């Protein structure tokens, strides 16, 4: 039965339905645990931020010219781990914090005060589109309309078709019009 869920997940992944693929891979893993399925689950997470990279790694694994699938899965795992390590090193080398760290600081501080204190000295690293929309929402609610709009413009290509993009733009327009009155 686990094989059926794996096959379903593979089809879903190839169709770009990464969340559904992850669920199916999880079910298959619960029935028959394996490193391969864990790697596929990680690929589903990776696909949220970098769909083309995840699909490329996925295709490498299923390349008919590839004789050793175990070696391929280990290479994929190594690539994903090095990507995480590289991201960590980039954050450390820049004056940057992750959005999760920013939110933790927010629990102890007022948004406006915290954001103004890091505005010119620290980058906020956003890893998921949910984080982007949450940050932009905070920015708009606290009067940072221009900065919120810049965040949206900078990521418009990545989130084309996401209905939250249009809703957020409408919210900014509405706030901007109210400030003119």
C-alpha atoms as a PDB file:
ATOM      1  CA  UNK A   1       0.000   0.000   0.000  1.00  0.00           C
ATOM      2  CA  UNK A   2       2.913   2.378   0.775  1.00  0.00           C
ATOM      3  CA  UNK A   3       4.060   2.012  -2.816  1.00  0.00           C
ATOM      4  CA  UNK A   4       0.669   3.283  -4.014  1.00  0.00           C
ATOM      5  CA  UNK A   5       1.018   6.457  -1.950  1.00  0.00           C
ATOM      6  CA  UNK A   6       4.565   6.911  -3.187  1.00  0.00           C
ATOM      7  CA  UNK A   7       3.428   6.638  -6.813  1.00  0.00           C
ATOM      8  CA  UNK A   8       0.584   9.087  -6.168  1.00  0.00           C
ATOM      9  CA  UNK A   9       3.028  11.472  -4.484  1.00  0.00           C
ATOM     10  CA  UNK A  10       5.445  11.264  -7.410  1.00  0.00           C
ATOM     11  CA  UNK A  11       2.672  12.174  -9.845  1.00  0.00           C
ATOM     12  CA  UNK A  12       1.540  15.051  -7.616  1.00  0.00           C
ATOM     13  CA  UNK A  13       5.103  16.337  -7.287  1.00  0.00           C
ATOM     14  CA  UNK A  14       5.622  16.311 -11.050  1.00  0.00           C
ATOM     15  CA  UNK A  15       2.369  18.291 -11.389  1.00  0.00           C
ATOM     16  CA  UNK A  16       3.716  20.893  -8.960  1.00  0.00           C
ATOM     17  CA  UNK A  17       1.252  19.993  -6.197  1.00  0.00           C
ATOM     18  CA  UNK A  18       3.961  19.925  -3.555  1.00  0.00           C
ATOM     19  CA  UNK A  19       1.768  20.097  -0.432  1.00  0.00           C
ATOM     20  CA  UNK A  20      -0.354  17.158  -1.580  1.00  0.00           C
ATOM     21  CA  UNK A  21       2.762  15.251  -2.627  1.00  0.00           C
ATOM     22  CA  UNK A  22       4.253  15.799   0.823  1.00  0.00           C
ATOM     23  CA  UNK A  23       1.142  14.392   2.483  1.00  0.00           C
ATOM     24  CA  UNK A  24       1.264  11.305   0.261  1.00  0.00           C
ATOM     25  CA  UNK A  25       4.997  10.838   0.867  1.00  0.00           C
ATOM     26  CA  UNK A  26       4.351  11.106   4.616  1.00  0.00           C
ATOM     27  CA  UNK A  27       1.669   8.427   4.445  1.00  0.00           C
ATOM     28  CA  UNK A  28       3.988   6.179   2.438  1.00  0.00           C
ATOM     29  CA  UNK A  29       6.785   6.814   4.955  1.00  0.00           C
ATOM     30  CA  UNK A  30       4.519   5.936   7.878  1.00  0.00           C
ATOM     31  CA  UNK A  31       3.730   2.623   6.200  1.00  0.00           C
ATOM     32  CA  UNK A  32       7.269   1.858   4.982  1.00  0.00           C
ATOM     33  CA  UNK A  33       9.978   4.165   6.404  1.00  0.00           C
ATOM     34  CA  UNK A  34      12.969   4.831   4.139  1.00  0.00           C
ATOM     35  CA  UNK A  35      15.666   7.430   3.497  1.00  0.00           C
ATOM     36  CA  UNK A  36      14.286   7.820   0.007  1.00  0.00           C
ATOM     37  CA  UNK A  37      10.861   8.896   1.265  1.00  0.00           C
ATOM     38  CA  UNK A  38      12.423  11.263   3.816  1.00  0.00           C
ATOM     39  CA  UNK A  39      14.398  12.898   1.017  1.00  0.00           C
ATOM     40  CA  UNK A  40      11.232  13.283  -1.057  1.00  0.00           C
ATOM     41  CA  UNK A  41       9.476  14.902   1.915  1.00  0.00           C
ATOM     42  CA  UNK A  42      12.400  17.340   2.198  1.00  0.00           C
ATOM     43  CA  UNK A  43      12.178  18.032  -1.544  1.00  0.00           C
ATOM     44  CA  UNK A  44       8.517  18.959  -1.089  1.00  0.00           C
ATOM     45  CA  UNK A  45       9.534  21.508   1.544  1.00  0.00           C
ATOM     46  CA  UNK A  46      12.318  22.797  -0.681  1.00  0.00           C
ATOM     47  CA  UNK A  47       9.862  23.127  -3.582  1.00  0.00           C
ATOM     48  CA  UNK A  48       7.872  25.773  -1.717  1.00  0.00           C
ATOM     49  CA  UNK A  49      10.804  28.178  -1.984  1.00  0.00           C
ATOM     50  CA  UNK A  50      12.562  26.876  -5.037  1.00  0.00           C
ATOM     51  CA  UNK A  51      10.263  24.774  -7.233  1.00  0.00           C
ATOM     52  CA  UNK A  52      12.580  24.577 -10.236  1.00  0.00           C
ATOM     53  CA  UNK A  53      15.538  23.418  -8.126  1.00  0.00           C
ATOM     54  CA  UNK A  54      13.410  20.786  -6.397  1.00  0.00           C
ATOM     55  CA  UNK A  55      12.010  19.528  -9.702  1.00  0.00           C
ATOM     56  CA  UNK A  56      15.531  19.326 -11.122  1.00  0.00           C
ATOM     57  CA  UNK A  57      16.724  17.219  -8.195  1.00  0.00           C
ATOM     58  CA  UNK A  58      13.612  15.076  -8.500  1.00  0.00           C
ATOM     59  CA  UNK A  59      14.275  14.456 -12.185  1.00  0.00           C
ATOM     60  CA  UNK A  60      17.918  13.586 -11.486  1.00  0.00           C
ATOM     61  CA  UNK A  61      16.714  10.838  -9.190  1.00  0.00           C
ATOM     62  CA  UNK A  62      14.367   9.398 -11.801  1.00  0.00           C
ATOM     63  CA  UNK A  63      16.809   9.713 -14.705  1.00  0.00           C
ATOM     64  CA  UNK A  64      16.704   6.370 -16.597  1.00  0.00           C
ATOM     65  CA  UNK A  65      20.470   6.622 -17.199  1.00  0.00           C
ATOM     66  CA  UNK A  66      20.980   6.531 -13.449  1.00  0.00           C
ATOM     67  CA  UNK A  67      21.664   2.981 -12.305  1.00  0.00           C
ATOM     68  CA  UNK A  68      22.165   3.598  -8.597  1.00  0.00           C
ATOM     69  CA  UNK A  69      19.077   5.235  -7.075  1.00  0.00           C
ATOM     70  CA  UNK A  70      20.492   4.852  -3.547  1.00  0.00           C
ATOM     71  CA  UNK A  71      23.565   6.863  -4.562  1.00  0.00           C
ATOM     72  CA  UNK A  72      21.307   9.469  -6.212  1.00  0.00           C
ATOM     73  CA  UNK A  73      19.167   9.906  -3.125  1.00  0.00           C
ATOM     74  CA  UNK A  74      22.305  10.355  -1.023  1.00  0.00           C
ATOM     75  CA  UNK A  75      23.570  12.987  -3.479  1.00  0.00           C
ATOM     76  CA  UNK A  76      20.211  14.777  -3.321  1.00  0.00           C
ATOM     77  CA  UNK A  77      20.323  14.750   0.478  1.00  0.00           C
ATOM     78  CA  UNK A  78      23.886  16.131   0.373  1.00  0.00           C
ATOM     79  CA  UNK A  79      22.829  18.908  -2.029  1.00  0.00           C
ATOM     80  CA  UNK A  80      19.902  19.878   0.210  1.00  0.00           C
ATOM     81  CA  UNK A  81      22.095  19.865   3.331  1.00  0.00           C
ATOM     82  CA  UNK A  82      24.772  21.986   1.668  1.00  0.00           C
ATOM     83  CA  UNK A  83      22.061  24.414   0.566  1.00  0.00           C
ATOM     84  CA  UNK A  84      20.890  24.765   4.169  1.00  0.00           C
ATOM     85  CA  UNK A  85      24.486  25.231   5.356  1.00  0.00           C
ATOM     86  CA  UNK A  86      25.111  27.834   2.665  1.00  0.00           C
ATOM     87  CA  UNK A  87      21.978  29.751   3.684  1.00  0.00           C
ATOM     88  CA  UNK A  88      23.099  29.680   7.316  1.00  0.00           C
ATOM     89  CA  UNK A  89      26.549  30.968   6.364  1.00  0.00           C
ATOM     90  CA  UNK A  90      25.006  33.751   4.255  1.00  0.00           C
ATOM     91  CA  UNK A  91      22.824  34.851   7.161  1.00  0.00           C
ATOM     92  CA  UNK A  92      25.833  34.851   9.475  1.00  0.00           C
ATOM     93  CA  UNK A  93      28.065  36.742   7.023  1.00  0.00           C
ATOM     94  CA  UNK A  94      25.472  39.427   6.367  1.00  0.00           C
ATOM     95  CA  UNK A  95      23.866  41.538   8.985  1.00  0.00           C
ATOM     96  CA  UNK A  96      20.637  39.578   8.706  1.00  0.00           C
ATOM     97  CA  UNK A  97      18.088  37.705  10.749  1.00  0.00           C
ATOM     98  CA  UNK A  98      15.505  35.176   9.739  1.00  0.00           C
ATOM     99  CA  UNK A  99      11.864  36.142   9.841  1.00  0.00           C
ATOM    100  CA  UNK A 100      11.370  33.549  12.604  1.00  0.00           C
ATOM    101  CA  UNK A 101      14.014  35.323  14.717  1.00  0.00           C
ATOM    102  CA  UNK A 102      12.382  38.660  13.926  1.00  0.00           C
ATOM    103  CA  UNK A 103       9.030  37.308  15.140  1.00  0.00           C
ATOM    104  CA  UNK A 104      10.653  36.054  18.348  1.00  0.00           C
ATOM    105  CA  UNK A 105      12.024  39.550  18.950  1.00  0.00           C
ATOM    106  CA  UNK A 106       8.594  40.931  18.172  1.00  0.00           C
ATOM    107  CA  UNK A 107       7.152  38.975  21.100  1.00  0.00           C
ATOM    108  CA  UNK A 108       9.279  41.161  23.384  1.00  0.00           C
ATOM    109  CA  UNK A 109       8.997  44.486  21.509  1.00  0.00           C
ATOM    110  CA  UNK A 110       6.557  46.802  19.790  1.00  0.00           C
ATOM    111  CA  UNK A 111       6.557  46.229  15.999  1.00  0.00           C
ATOM    112  CA  UNK A 112       7.217  49.848  15.090  1.00  0.00           C
ATOM    113  CA  UNK A 113      10.089  50.205  17.561  1.00  0.00           C
ATOM    114  CA  UNK A 114      11.685  46.909  16.559  1.00  0.00           C
ATOM    115  CA  UNK A 115      11.343  47.500  12.832  1.00  0.00           C
ATOM    116  CA  UNK A 116      12.709  51.039  13.029  1.00  0.00           C
ATOM    117  CA  UNK A 117      15.707  49.803  15.038  1.00  0.00           C
ATOM    118  CA  UNK A 118      16.690  47.261  12.380  1.00  0.00           C
ATOM    119  CA  UNK A 119      15.434  49.073   9.275  1.00  0.00           C
ATOM    120  CA  UNK A 120      18.787  50.388   8.049  1.00  0.00           C
ATOM    121  CA  UNK A 121      21.189  47.899   9.589  1.00  0.00           C
ATOM    122  CA  UNK A 122      19.673  44.437   9.259  1.00  0.00           C
ATOM    123  CA  UNK A 123      18.075  42.396   6.481  1.00  0.00           C
ATOM    124  CA  UNK A 124      15.129  40.166   7.258  1.00  0.00           C
ATOM    125  CA  UNK A 125      15.499  36.818   5.487  1.00  0.00           C
ATOM    126  CA  UNK A 126      12.135  35.490   4.352  1.00  0.00           C
ATOM    127  CA  UNK A 127      12.006  31.806   3.470  1.00  0.00           C
ATOM    128  CA  UNK A 128       8.300  31.230   2.773  1.00  0.00           C
ATOM    129  CA  UNK A 129       5.659  33.298   1.056  1.00  0.00           C
ATOM    130  CA  UNK A 130       3.488  33.114   4.192  1.00  0.00           C
ATOM    131  CA  UNK A 131       6.237  34.999   6.015  1.00  0.00           C
ATOM    132  CA  UNK A 132       6.318  37.644   3.297  1.00  0.00           C
ATOM    133  CA  UNK A 133       2.592  38.275   3.463  1.00  0.00           C
ATOM    134  CA  UNK A 134       2.643  38.354   7.260  1.00  0.00           C
ATOM    135  CA  UNK A 135       5.513  40.868   7.291  1.00  0.00           C
ATOM    136  CA  UNK A 136       3.882  43.072   4.649  1.00  0.00           C
ATOM    137  CA  UNK A 137       0.656  42.947   6.633  1.00  0.00           C
ATOM    138  CA  UNK A 138       2.528  44.125   9.757  1.00  0.00           C
ATOM    139  CA  UNK A 139       4.230  46.876   7.748  1.00  0.00           C
ATOM    140  CA  UNK A 140       0.973  48.170   6.276  1.00  0.00           C
ATOM    141  CA  UNK A 141      -0.842  48.016   9.618  1.00  0.00           C
ATOM    142  CA  UNK A 142       1.931  50.060  11.241  1.00  0.00           C
ATOM    143  CA  UNK A 143       2.156  52.743   8.550  1.00  0.00           C
ATOM    144  CA  UNK A 144       5.138  51.492   6.541  1.00  0.00           C
ATOM    145  CA  UNK A 145       3.177  51.472   3.263  1.00  0.00           C
ATOM    146  CA  UNK A 146       6.125  52.257   0.969  1.00  0.00           C
ATOM    147  CA  UNK A 147       8.322  49.550   2.471  1.00  0.00           C
ATOM    148  CA  UNK A 148       5.479  47.017   2.335  1.00  0.00           C
ATOM    149  CA  UNK A 149       4.907  47.875  -1.312  1.00  0.00           C
ATOM    150  CA  UNK A 150       8.629  47.449  -2.065  1.00  0.00           C
ATOM    151  CA  UNK A 151       8.584  43.990  -0.485  1.00  0.00           C
ATOM    152  CA  UNK A 152       5.617  43.037  -2.678  1.00  0.00           C
ATOM    153  CA  UNK A 153       7.152  44.492  -5.829  1.00  0.00           C
ATOM    154  CA  UNK A 154      10.421  42.700  -5.157  1.00  0.00           C
ATOM    155  CA  UNK A 155       8.692  39.350  -4.933  1.00  0.00           C
ATOM    156  CA  UNK A 156       5.874  39.832  -7.440  1.00  0.00           C
ATOM    157  CA  UNK A 157       7.338  37.371  -9.950  1.00  0.00           C
ATOM    158  CA  UNK A 158       7.626  34.625  -7.346  1.00  0.00           C
ATOM    159  CA  UNK A 159       4.054  35.001  -6.141  1.00  0.00           C
ATOM    160  CA  UNK A 160       2.192  35.714  -9.370  1.00  0.00           C
ATOM    161  CA  UNK A 161      -1.239  34.185  -9.203  1.00  0.00           C
ATOM    162  CA  UNK A 162      -1.373  34.144  -5.403  1.00  0.00           C
ATOM    163  CA  UNK A 163      -4.631  35.848  -4.508  1.00  0.00           C
ATOM    164  CA  UNK A 164      -3.061  37.266  -1.341  1.00  0.00           C
ATOM    165  CA  UNK A 165      -0.855  39.486  -3.512  1.00  0.00           C
ATOM    166  CA  UNK A 166      -3.858  41.312  -4.948  1.00  0.00           C
ATOM    167  CA  UNK A 167      -5.560  41.509  -1.533  1.00  0.00           C
ATOM    168  CA  UNK A 168      -2.432  43.034  -0.023  1.00  0.00           C
ATOM    169  CA  UNK A 169      -2.142  45.568  -2.864  1.00  0.00           C
ATOM    170  CA  UNK A 170      -5.789  46.539  -2.319  1.00  0.00           C
ATOM    171  CA  UNK A 171      -5.120  46.961   1.398  1.00  0.00           C
ATOM    172  CA  UNK A 172      -2.150  49.234   0.656  1.00  0.00           C
ATOM    173  CA  UNK A 173      -4.213  51.276  -1.828  1.00  0.00           C
ATOM    174  CA  UNK A 174      -6.983  51.614   0.752  1.00  0.00           C
ATOM    175  CA  UNK A 175      -4.587  52.761   3.488  1.00  0.00           C
ATOM    176  CA  UNK A 176      -2.864  55.152   1.082  1.00  0.00           C
ATOM    177  CA  UNK A 177      -6.202  56.700   0.017  1.00  0.00           C
ATOM    178  CA  UNK A 178      -7.241  57.093   3.663  1.00  0.00           C
ATOM    179  CA  UNK A 179      -3.989  58.882   4.471  1.00  0.00           C
ATOM    180  CA  UNK A 180      -4.665  61.406   1.686  1.00  0.00           C
ATOM    181  CA  UNK A 181      -8.065  62.410   3.132  1.00  0.00           C
END
